[in-house]
């Protein structure tokens, strides 16, 4: 774990130094190009590890954490209160200005022959 941290800190430091050097340039004569730095894989090999790049990538993966505890079940909501009953079709017919019995209402529903 300490080696992973050291490797990552080294890479971060190299990136920060490169950015600072680039941003801090003034309008002077162009310098000569430096040598390419080592890859993270090459640094890993230099710190005593051995293996392929695939081995290096597997090494970077952390171990699985422990499972968390199960959550609690939610509670069921309470039932709402019943609403009032709606009007029947006959009552609506009466409210619309018609008069008569339920039989009269049913007769008015019949279409013409």
N, C-alpha and C. Protein backbone atom coordinates (compact mmCIF):
# COMPACT_ATOMS: atom_id res chain seq x y z
N UNK A 1 0.83 -1.18 0.00
CA UNK A 1 0.00 0.00 0.00
C UNK A 1 0.88 1.25 0.00
N UNK A 2 1.98 1.21 0.79
CA UNK A 2 2.88 2.37 0.83
C UNK A 2 3.54 2.58 -0.52
N UNK A 3 3.84 1.51 -1.19
CA UNK A 3 4.49 1.63 -2.51
C UNK A 3 3.53 2.23 -3.53
N UNK A 4 2.25 1.83 -3.46
CA UNK A 4 1.26 2.40 -4.37
C UNK A 4 1.16 3.90 -4.15
N UNK A 5 1.11 4.29 -2.89
CA UNK A 5 1.00 5.70 -2.56
C UNK A 5 2.23 6.47 -3.02
N UNK A 6 3.42 5.89 -2.81
CA UNK A 6 4.66 6.53 -3.24
C UNK A 6 4.69 6.67 -4.76
N UNK A 7 4.26 5.65 -5.46
CA UNK A 7 4.23 5.69 -6.91
C UNK A 7 3.28 6.77 -7.41
N UNK A 8 2.10 6.82 -6.84
CA UNK A 8 1.12 7.83 -7.27
C UNK A 8 1.59 9.23 -6.92
N UNK A 9 2.21 9.43 -5.78
CA UNK A 9 2.74 10.75 -5.41
C UNK A 9 3.85 11.17 -6.34
N UNK A 10 4.69 10.23 -6.74
CA UNK A 10 5.78 10.53 -7.68
C UNK A 10 5.23 10.98 -9.02
N UNK A 11 4.22 10.29 -9.49
CA UNK A 11 3.60 10.65 -10.77
C UNK A 11 2.96 12.03 -10.67
N UNK A 12 2.23 12.28 -9.59
CA UNK A 12 1.58 13.59 -9.40
C UNK A 12 2.61 14.70 -9.33
N UNK A 13 3.70 14.48 -8.62
CA UNK A 13 4.75 15.49 -8.49
C UNK A 13 5.35 15.80 -9.86
N UNK A 14 5.58 14.78 -10.66
CA UNK A 14 6.13 14.98 -12.00
C UNK A 14 5.19 15.80 -12.86
N UNK A 15 3.91 15.54 -12.77
CA UNK A 15 2.92 16.28 -13.55
C UNK A 15 2.87 17.74 -13.10
N UNK A 16 2.84 17.96 -11.79
CA UNK A 16 2.79 19.33 -11.26
C UNK A 16 4.03 20.11 -11.66
N UNK A 17 5.19 19.50 -11.55
CA UNK A 17 6.44 20.19 -11.94
C UNK A 17 6.43 20.53 -13.42
N UNK A 18 5.93 19.62 -14.24
CA UNK A 18 5.88 19.88 -15.68
C UNK A 18 4.95 21.04 -15.99
N UNK A 19 3.81 21.08 -15.35
CA UNK A 19 2.85 22.15 -15.58
C UNK A 19 3.42 23.49 -15.11
N UNK A 20 4.03 23.49 -13.92
CA UNK A 20 4.61 24.73 -13.39
C UNK A 20 5.73 25.23 -14.29
N UNK A 21 6.53 24.34 -14.80
CA UNK A 21 7.62 24.74 -15.68
C UNK A 21 7.08 25.33 -16.97
N UNK A 22 5.99 24.76 -17.48
CA UNK A 22 5.42 25.25 -18.72
C UNK A 22 4.74 26.60 -18.52
N UNK A 23 3.96 26.74 -17.47
CA UNK A 23 3.22 27.97 -17.22
C UNK A 23 4.16 29.11 -16.82
N UNK A 24 5.23 28.80 -16.13
CA UNK A 24 6.13 29.83 -15.63
C UNK A 24 7.14 30.32 -16.66
N UNK A 25 7.05 29.89 -17.90
CA UNK A 25 8.01 30.31 -18.93
C UNK A 25 7.86 31.79 -19.25
N UNK A 26 8.97 32.44 -19.44
CA UNK A 26 8.93 33.83 -19.91
C UNK A 26 9.41 33.84 -21.36
N UNK A 27 9.36 34.97 -21.99
CA UNK A 27 9.71 35.06 -23.41
C UNK A 27 11.23 35.08 -23.56
N UNK A 28 11.86 33.97 -23.36
CA UNK A 28 13.30 33.86 -23.52
C UNK A 28 13.62 32.93 -24.67
N UNK A 29 14.85 32.60 -24.80
CA UNK A 29 15.28 31.68 -25.85
C UNK A 29 14.74 30.29 -25.57
N UNK A 30 14.39 29.58 -26.61
CA UNK A 30 13.86 28.24 -26.47
C UNK A 30 14.95 27.31 -25.96
N UNK A 31 14.59 26.50 -25.00
CA UNK A 31 15.55 25.54 -24.45
C UNK A 31 15.53 24.25 -25.26
N UNK A 32 16.45 23.38 -24.93
CA UNK A 32 16.50 22.08 -25.62
C UNK A 32 15.50 21.14 -24.96
N UNK A 33 14.99 20.24 -25.75
CA UNK A 33 14.03 19.27 -25.23
C UNK A 33 14.73 18.31 -24.28
N UNK A 34 14.05 18.01 -23.19
CA UNK A 34 14.58 17.04 -22.23
C UNK A 34 14.21 15.63 -22.64
N UNK A 35 14.69 14.69 -21.87
CA UNK A 35 14.39 13.28 -22.15
C UNK A 35 12.98 12.96 -21.66
N UNK A 36 12.34 12.04 -22.34
CA UNK A 36 11.03 11.59 -21.90
C UNK A 36 11.14 10.93 -20.54
N UNK A 37 10.16 11.17 -19.69
CA UNK A 37 10.13 10.53 -18.38
C UNK A 37 9.68 9.09 -18.49
N UNK A 38 9.80 8.37 -17.39
CA UNK A 38 9.40 6.97 -17.36
C UNK A 38 7.89 6.87 -17.18
N UNK A 39 7.34 5.80 -17.70
CA UNK A 39 5.92 5.54 -17.52
C UNK A 39 5.71 5.01 -16.09
N UNK A 40 4.46 5.03 -15.66
CA UNK A 40 4.14 4.51 -14.34
C UNK A 40 4.53 3.04 -14.25
N UNK A 41 4.37 2.31 -15.33
CA UNK A 41 4.75 0.89 -15.36
C UNK A 41 6.26 0.74 -15.15
N UNK A 42 7.04 1.59 -15.85
CA UNK A 42 8.51 1.52 -15.71
C UNK A 42 8.93 1.87 -14.28
N UNK A 43 8.29 2.86 -13.69
CA UNK A 43 8.60 3.21 -12.30
C UNK A 43 8.26 2.06 -11.38
N UNK A 44 7.16 1.39 -11.64
CA UNK A 44 6.75 0.24 -10.85
C UNK A 44 7.80 -0.86 -10.91
N UNK A 45 8.32 -1.10 -12.13
CA UNK A 45 9.38 -2.10 -12.27
C UNK A 45 10.64 -1.68 -11.52
N UNK A 46 10.97 -0.37 -11.59
CA UNK A 46 12.17 0.14 -10.92
C UNK A 46 12.07 0.05 -9.40
N UNK A 47 10.87 -0.02 -8.86
CA UNK A 47 10.71 -0.10 -7.40
C UNK A 47 10.69 -1.54 -6.90
N UNK A 48 11.10 -2.47 -7.75
CA UNK A 48 11.27 -3.85 -7.30
C UNK A 48 10.19 -4.81 -7.72
N UNK A 49 9.20 -4.36 -8.43
CA UNK A 49 8.15 -5.26 -8.89
C UNK A 49 8.57 -5.92 -10.20
N UNK A 50 7.89 -7.01 -10.52
CA UNK A 50 8.13 -7.66 -11.81
C UNK A 50 6.80 -8.11 -12.36
N UNK A 51 6.74 -8.19 -13.67
CA UNK A 51 5.51 -8.65 -14.31
C UNK A 51 5.21 -7.82 -15.55
N UNK A 52 4.13 -8.19 -16.18
CA UNK A 52 3.71 -7.53 -17.41
C UNK A 52 2.91 -6.27 -17.08
N UNK A 53 2.56 -5.52 -18.11
CA UNK A 53 1.71 -4.35 -17.89
C UNK A 53 0.35 -4.77 -17.33
N UNK A 54 -0.13 -5.92 -17.76
CA UNK A 54 -1.39 -6.44 -17.22
C UNK A 54 -1.25 -6.71 -15.72
N UNK A 55 -0.09 -7.26 -15.31
CA UNK A 55 0.16 -7.48 -13.89
C UNK A 55 0.15 -6.16 -13.12
N UNK A 56 0.76 -5.13 -13.73
CA UNK A 56 0.81 -3.80 -13.12
C UNK A 56 -0.61 -3.25 -12.94
N UNK A 57 -1.44 -3.39 -13.97
CA UNK A 57 -2.80 -2.89 -13.87
C UNK A 57 -3.61 -3.63 -12.81
N UNK A 58 -3.38 -4.93 -12.68
CA UNK A 58 -4.06 -5.70 -11.63
C UNK A 58 -3.58 -5.26 -10.24
N UNK A 59 -2.28 -4.92 -10.14
CA UNK A 59 -1.70 -4.48 -8.88
C UNK A 59 -2.33 -3.15 -8.42
N UNK A 60 -2.73 -2.32 -9.38
CA UNK A 60 -3.33 -1.03 -9.04
C UNK A 60 -4.72 -1.17 -8.42
N UNK A 61 -5.40 -2.27 -8.70
CA UNK A 61 -6.75 -2.46 -8.17
C UNK A 61 -6.69 -2.72 -6.67
N UNK A 62 -7.58 -2.09 -5.96
CA UNK A 62 -7.66 -2.31 -4.51
C UNK A 62 -8.43 -3.57 -4.19
N UNK A 63 -8.32 -4.00 -2.96
CA UNK A 63 -9.06 -5.17 -2.51
C UNK A 63 -10.53 -4.78 -2.32
N UNK A 64 -11.40 -5.77 -2.47
CA UNK A 64 -12.82 -5.53 -2.26
C UNK A 64 -13.06 -5.15 -0.80
N UNK A 65 -13.92 -4.20 -0.60
CA UNK A 65 -14.30 -3.79 0.74
C UNK A 65 -15.29 -4.77 1.33
N UNK A 66 -15.57 -4.62 2.60
CA UNK A 66 -16.55 -5.48 3.25
C UNK A 66 -17.95 -5.02 2.88
N UNK A 67 -18.86 -5.97 2.85
CA UNK A 67 -20.25 -5.65 2.53
C UNK A 67 -20.84 -4.78 3.63
N UNK A 68 -21.66 -3.84 3.23
CA UNK A 68 -22.36 -3.00 4.19
C UNK A 68 -23.53 -3.74 4.80
N UNK A 69 -24.14 -3.15 5.81
CA UNK A 69 -25.29 -3.78 6.45
C UNK A 69 -26.53 -3.53 5.60
N UNK A 70 -27.44 -4.48 5.66
CA UNK A 70 -28.70 -4.34 4.92
C UNK A 70 -29.52 -3.21 5.51
N UNK A 71 -30.20 -2.49 4.66
CA UNK A 71 -31.09 -1.43 5.11
C UNK A 71 -32.37 -2.02 5.68
N UNK A 72 -33.13 -1.19 6.37
CA UNK A 72 -34.39 -1.66 6.94
C UNK A 72 -35.50 -1.49 5.92
N UNK A 73 -36.51 -2.33 6.05
CA UNK A 73 -37.66 -2.23 5.15
C UNK A 73 -38.43 -0.96 5.47
N UNK A 74 -38.94 -0.34 4.45
CA UNK A 74 -39.79 0.84 4.66
C UNK A 74 -41.12 0.43 5.23
N UNK A 75 -41.87 1.39 5.73
CA UNK A 75 -43.17 1.08 6.29
C UNK A 75 -44.25 1.37 5.25
N UNK A 76 -45.33 0.62 5.35
CA UNK A 76 -46.47 0.85 4.46
C UNK A 76 -47.17 2.12 4.90
N UNK A 77 -47.61 2.89 3.94
CA UNK A 77 -48.37 4.09 4.26
C UNK A 77 -49.77 3.74 4.73
N UNK A 78 -50.41 4.65 5.44
CA UNK A 78 -51.77 4.39 5.89
C UNK A 78 -52.74 4.65 4.75
N UNK A 79 -53.87 3.98 4.81
CA UNK A 79 -54.89 4.17 3.79
C UNK A 79 -55.50 5.55 3.92
N UNK A 80 -55.83 6.13 2.80
CA UNK A 80 -56.50 7.43 2.82
C UNK A 80 -57.95 7.29 3.25
N UNK A 81 -58.58 8.40 3.55
CA UNK A 81 -59.99 8.36 3.93
C UNK A 81 -60.84 8.24 2.68
N UNK A 82 -61.96 7.57 2.82
CA UNK A 82 -62.88 7.38 1.70
C UNK A 82 -63.51 8.72 1.33
N UNK A 83 -63.64 8.95 0.07
CA UNK A 83 -64.32 10.15 -0.41
C UNK A 83 -65.83 9.94 -0.38
N UNK A 84 -66.55 11.01 -0.64
CA UNK A 84 -68.01 10.89 -0.67
C UNK A 84 -68.42 10.26 -1.99
N UNK A 85 -69.54 9.56 -1.95
CA UNK A 85 -70.02 8.91 -3.16
C UNK A 85 -70.44 9.96 -4.18
N UNK A 86 -70.16 9.69 -5.43
CA UNK A 86 -70.58 10.58 -6.50
C UNK A 86 -72.06 10.43 -6.81
N UNK A 87 -72.59 11.32 -7.60
CA UNK A 87 -74.01 11.28 -7.98
C UNK A 87 -74.24 10.23 -9.05
N UNK A 88 -75.44 9.70 -9.02
CA UNK A 88 -75.82 8.74 -10.06
C UNK A 88 -76.13 9.49 -11.34
N UNK A 89 -76.22 8.77 -12.43
CA UNK A 89 -76.57 9.39 -13.72
C UNK A 89 -77.97 10.02 -13.62
N UNK A 90 -78.89 9.37 -12.89
CA UNK A 90 -80.24 9.90 -12.72
C UNK A 90 -80.19 11.24 -11.96
N UNK A 91 -79.39 11.31 -10.89
CA UNK A 91 -79.28 12.56 -10.12
C UNK A 91 -78.68 13.68 -10.96
N UNK A 92 -77.70 13.36 -11.77
CA UNK A 92 -77.10 14.36 -12.66
C UNK A 92 -78.15 14.83 -13.68
N UNK A 93 -78.96 13.91 -14.17
CA UNK A 93 -80.03 14.24 -15.12
C UNK A 93 -81.00 15.23 -14.49
N UNK A 94 -81.37 14.98 -13.23
CA UNK A 94 -82.26 15.89 -12.52
C UNK A 94 -81.60 17.26 -12.33
N UNK A 95 -80.29 17.25 -11.96
CA UNK A 95 -79.56 18.51 -11.74
C UNK A 95 -79.48 19.35 -13.02
N UNK A 96 -79.60 18.71 -14.17
CA UNK A 96 -79.52 19.43 -15.45
C UNK A 96 -80.90 19.93 -15.92
N UNK A 97 -81.85 19.99 -15.00
CA UNK A 97 -83.13 20.61 -15.31
C UNK A 97 -84.23 19.67 -15.74
N UNK A 98 -83.98 18.40 -15.76
CA UNK A 98 -85.02 17.44 -16.15
C UNK A 98 -85.88 17.11 -14.93
N UNK A 99 -87.08 16.62 -15.18
CA UNK A 99 -87.95 16.18 -14.10
C UNK A 99 -88.50 14.82 -14.47
N UNK A 100 -88.83 14.08 -13.45
CA UNK A 100 -89.43 12.78 -13.70
C UNK A 100 -88.84 11.72 -12.80
N UNK A 101 -89.35 10.51 -12.96
CA UNK A 101 -88.90 9.36 -12.16
C UNK A 101 -87.69 8.70 -12.84
N UNK A 102 -87.19 7.70 -12.14
CA UNK A 102 -86.08 6.95 -12.74
C UNK A 102 -86.53 6.26 -14.03
N UNK A 103 -87.78 5.87 -14.06
CA UNK A 103 -88.32 5.24 -15.28
C UNK A 103 -88.33 6.26 -16.41
N UNK A 104 -88.71 7.52 -16.09
CA UNK A 104 -88.70 8.57 -17.11
C UNK A 104 -87.28 8.79 -17.63
N UNK A 105 -86.32 8.76 -16.71
CA UNK A 105 -84.91 8.93 -17.08
C UNK A 105 -84.48 7.82 -18.04
N UNK A 106 -84.81 6.58 -17.70
CA UNK A 106 -84.42 5.44 -18.54
C UNK A 106 -85.08 5.53 -19.91
N UNK A 107 -86.33 6.01 -19.97
CA UNK A 107 -87.03 6.15 -21.25
C UNK A 107 -86.34 7.21 -22.12
N UNK A 108 -85.83 8.29 -21.47
CA UNK A 108 -85.19 9.34 -22.27
C UNK A 108 -83.87 8.88 -22.87
N UNK A 109 -83.33 7.80 -22.33
CA UNK A 109 -82.05 7.29 -22.85
C UNK A 109 -82.24 6.51 -24.16
N UNK A 110 -83.47 6.07 -24.41
CA UNK A 110 -83.72 5.29 -25.63
C UNK A 110 -83.67 6.20 -26.83
N UNK A 111 -83.07 5.73 -27.87
CA UNK A 111 -83.03 6.48 -29.12
C UNK A 111 -84.28 6.26 -29.93
N UNK A 112 -84.48 7.07 -30.96
CA UNK A 112 -85.64 6.93 -31.83
C UNK A 112 -85.42 5.74 -32.76
N UNK A 113 -86.51 5.11 -33.12
CA UNK A 113 -86.44 4.00 -34.08
C UNK A 113 -86.02 4.51 -35.42
